């Protein structure tokens, strides 16, 4: 039943049965409002939004793996890239290192969070990565809570994506930092 409050649960249920790594797609009913907003958003607002959310994931990972610096280093590199202080190849190496960490971990939740950080930081390169962060983050939530207990935390997080993007839509111009020239076009 597509109009039931849980209709978005069908997709992760099917993907879990198929043993897919990512449990959501860009077409998920849960992400349609966000997808609409992302498509028309200023690039700098998207970068601020994505880096804020990716920072939360990097800090979560750091709390679980205190000796592991790659997720936080990836955020730092993406911020430098967005400000024009480093070029794409240097930031790309940090992003790839975060994705490499995912291959070293065994927790499906933490693997997804590493990829969420990488996707969020890649928004500096292209807005096309913006929905990658929620796809992996929501997957992490389902992996942590289990399908039977994930509805409330997944829906809450999906609402937060929209809330924070609307915030940055209205406030990106207040950001006190510098912007790389390619983000100002």
Protein backbone atom coordinates (compact mmCIF):
# COMPACT_ATOMS: atom_id res chain seq x y z
CA UNK A 1 0.00 0.00 0.00
CA UNK A 2 1.88 3.06 -1.30
CA UNK A 3 0.00 5.64 0.78
CA UNK A 4 0.57 4.00 4.16
CA UNK A 5 2.94 5.78 6.58
CA UNK A 6 5.43 2.94 6.23
CA UNK A 7 5.43 2.66 2.43
CA UNK A 8 9.09 3.71 2.27
CA UNK A 9 9.98 0.60 4.33
CA UNK A 10 9.32 -1.62 1.32
CA UNK A 11 12.56 -0.58 -0.36
CA UNK A 12 14.94 -1.41 2.53
CA UNK A 13 13.02 -4.63 3.18
CA UNK A 14 13.58 -5.74 -0.41
CA UNK A 15 17.20 -4.63 -0.44
CA UNK A 16 17.93 -6.45 2.82
CA UNK A 17 16.44 -9.63 1.35
CA UNK A 18 18.71 -9.21 -1.68
CA UNK A 19 21.68 -8.50 0.64
CA UNK A 20 22.30 -5.09 -0.95
CA UNK A 21 24.87 -2.86 0.73
CA UNK A 22 22.83 0.34 0.28
CA UNK A 23 19.22 0.04 1.45
CA UNK A 24 17.80 3.23 -0.09
CA UNK A 25 17.78 4.78 -3.55
CA UNK A 26 17.48 8.35 -4.76
CA UNK A 27 13.91 7.48 -5.76
CA UNK A 28 12.90 6.58 -2.21
CA UNK A 29 9.60 8.25 -1.25
CA UNK A 30 11.34 9.29 1.95
CA UNK A 31 13.79 11.48 0.01
CA UNK A 32 11.54 13.13 -2.56
CA UNK A 33 11.21 16.49 -0.78
CA UNK A 34 14.95 16.58 -0.16
CA UNK A 35 15.66 15.65 -3.77
CA UNK A 36 13.46 18.51 -4.97
CA UNK A 37 15.24 21.00 -2.68
CA UNK A 38 18.72 19.76 -3.59
CA UNK A 39 18.00 20.18 -7.30
CA UNK A 40 17.36 23.91 -6.96
CA UNK A 41 19.76 24.83 -4.15
CA UNK A 42 22.75 27.16 -4.29
CA UNK A 43 25.93 25.13 -4.41
CA UNK A 44 27.45 26.81 -1.37
CA UNK A 45 24.37 26.05 0.72
CA UNK A 46 24.63 22.40 -0.35
CA UNK A 47 28.29 22.27 0.63
CA UNK A 48 27.60 23.74 4.08
CA UNK A 49 24.69 21.35 4.56
CA UNK A 50 26.64 18.28 3.46
CA UNK A 51 29.73 19.13 5.50
CA UNK A 52 27.64 19.75 8.62
CA UNK A 53 25.99 16.34 8.34
CA UNK A 54 29.18 14.56 7.35
CA UNK A 55 30.92 16.14 10.37
CA UNK A 56 28.33 14.49 12.63
CA UNK A 57 29.06 11.12 11.04
CA UNK A 58 32.84 11.63 11.29
CA UNK A 59 32.52 12.50 14.98
CA UNK A 60 30.34 9.43 15.53
CA UNK A 61 32.99 7.26 13.92
CA UNK A 62 35.75 8.95 15.91
CA UNK A 63 33.84 8.16 19.10
CA UNK A 64 33.83 4.47 18.17
CA UNK A 65 37.38 4.40 16.79
CA UNK A 66 39.32 7.11 18.68
CA UNK A 67 42.65 6.27 17.03
CA UNK A 68 41.13 6.50 13.54
CA UNK A 69 41.51 10.00 12.09
CA UNK A 70 40.56 9.46 8.44
CA UNK A 71 36.90 10.56 8.65
CA UNK A 72 37.79 13.78 10.48
CA UNK A 73 40.73 14.37 8.13
CA UNK A 74 38.34 13.96 5.21
CA UNK A 75 36.07 16.68 6.59
CA UNK A 76 39.06 18.98 7.16
CA UNK A 77 40.29 18.41 3.60
CA UNK A 78 36.85 19.05 2.12
CA UNK A 79 36.59 22.32 4.07
CA UNK A 80 40.01 23.40 2.77
CA UNK A 81 38.98 22.44 -0.75
CA UNK A 82 35.73 24.40 -0.50
CA UNK A 83 37.69 27.43 0.68
CA UNK A 84 40.17 27.18 -2.19
CA UNK A 85 43.13 26.38 0.07
CA UNK A 86 43.78 22.98 -1.51
CA UNK A 87 42.97 21.47 -4.89
CA UNK A 88 40.76 18.53 -5.76
CA UNK A 89 43.52 15.85 -5.95
CA UNK A 90 44.49 16.41 -2.32
CA UNK A 91 40.87 16.38 -1.12
CA UNK A 92 40.14 13.35 -3.29
CA UNK A 93 42.93 11.40 -1.57
CA UNK A 94 41.35 12.11 1.83
CA UNK A 95 37.91 11.08 0.55
CA UNK A 96 39.31 7.87 -0.91
CA UNK A 97 41.08 7.17 2.40
CA UNK A 98 37.73 7.43 4.19
CA UNK A 99 36.18 5.00 1.70
CA UNK A 100 39.20 2.71 2.25
CA UNK A 101 38.46 2.73 5.98
CA UNK A 102 35.03 1.31 5.16
CA UNK A 103 36.74 -1.71 3.58
CA UNK A 104 38.70 -2.28 6.82
CA UNK A 105 35.66 -2.26 9.11
CA UNK A 106 33.27 -5.12 9.83
CA UNK A 107 30.28 -3.22 11.23
CA UNK A 108 27.74 -2.63 8.43
CA UNK A 109 26.58 0.53 10.23
CA UNK A 110 30.08 1.99 10.41
CA UNK A 111 30.88 0.98 6.84
CA UNK A 112 27.83 2.95 5.71
CA UNK A 113 28.85 5.94 7.84
CA UNK A 114 32.31 6.02 6.24
CA UNK A 115 30.69 6.13 2.83
CA UNK A 116 28.29 8.84 4.04
CA UNK A 117 31.27 11.00 5.04
CA UNK A 118 32.89 10.44 1.65
CA UNK A 119 29.69 11.29 -0.21
CA UNK A 120 29.08 14.39 1.90
CA UNK A 121 32.58 15.67 1.28
CA UNK A 122 32.24 14.96 -2.44
CA UNK A 123 29.43 17.52 -2.65
CA UNK A 124 32.24 20.08 -2.90
CA UNK A 125 33.03 18.51 -6.29
CA UNK A 126 29.48 18.20 -7.57
CA UNK A 127 25.96 18.55 -6.18
CA UNK A 128 25.25 15.11 -7.66
CA UNK A 129 26.75 13.56 -4.51
CA UNK A 130 24.29 15.34 -2.19
CA UNK A 131 21.82 12.46 -2.00
CA UNK A 132 24.61 9.94 -1.48
CA UNK A 133 25.05 11.09 2.09
CA UNK A 134 21.44 10.33 3.12
CA UNK A 135 21.43 7.02 1.23
CA UNK A 136 24.33 5.79 3.31
CA UNK A 137 23.28 7.46 6.58
CA UNK A 138 19.78 6.02 6.43
CA UNK A 139 21.29 2.64 5.62
CA UNK A 140 23.45 2.97 8.74
CA UNK A 141 20.37 3.72 10.84
CA UNK A 142 18.55 0.63 9.55
CA UNK A 143 21.65 -1.48 10.14
CA UNK A 144 21.92 -0.18 13.72
CA UNK A 145 18.23 -0.25 14.72
CA UNK A 146 17.05 -3.18 12.64
CA UNK A 147 14.18 -3.03 10.19
CA UNK A 148 11.55 -3.54 12.90
CA UNK A 149 12.79 -0.53 14.96
CA UNK A 150 14.05 1.89 12.32
CA UNK A 151 10.92 3.78 11.27
CA UNK A 152 11.08 6.58 13.82
CA UNK A 153 14.85 7.24 13.68
CA UNK A 154 14.91 7.05 9.86
CA UNK A 155 11.97 9.42 9.47
CA UNK A 156 13.43 11.79 12.06
CA UNK A 157 16.76 11.89 10.19
CA UNK A 158 15.01 12.45 6.85
CA UNK A 159 13.18 15.41 8.38
CA UNK A 160 16.48 16.75 9.69
CA UNK A 161 17.99 16.68 6.20
CA UNK A 162 15.24 19.00 4.96
CA UNK A 163 15.36 21.18 8.07
CA UNK A 164 19.11 21.74 7.81
CA UNK A 165 19.02 22.34 4.06
CA UNK A 166 16.30 24.96 4.54
CA UNK A 167 18.47 26.55 7.24
CA UNK A 168 21.51 26.74 4.95
CA UNK A 169 19.31 27.97 2.10
CA UNK A 170 18.47 31.00 4.24
CA UNK A 171 21.89 31.45 5.87
CA UNK A 172 24.70 30.31 3.55
CA UNK A 173 25.65 33.91 2.78
CA UNK A 174 26.38 34.44 6.52
CA UNK A 175 29.18 31.86 6.40
CA UNK A 176 32.31 33.75 7.46
CA UNK A 177 34.80 31.63 5.54
CA UNK A 178 36.25 32.01 2.09
CA UNK A 179 34.91 30.19 -0.94
CA UNK A 180 36.87 28.59 -3.76
CA UNK A 181 36.20 30.41 -7.03
CA UNK A 182 34.62 27.32 -8.63
CA UNK A 183 31.89 27.34 -5.96
CA UNK A 184 30.99 30.95 -6.69
CA UNK A 185 30.04 30.44 -10.34
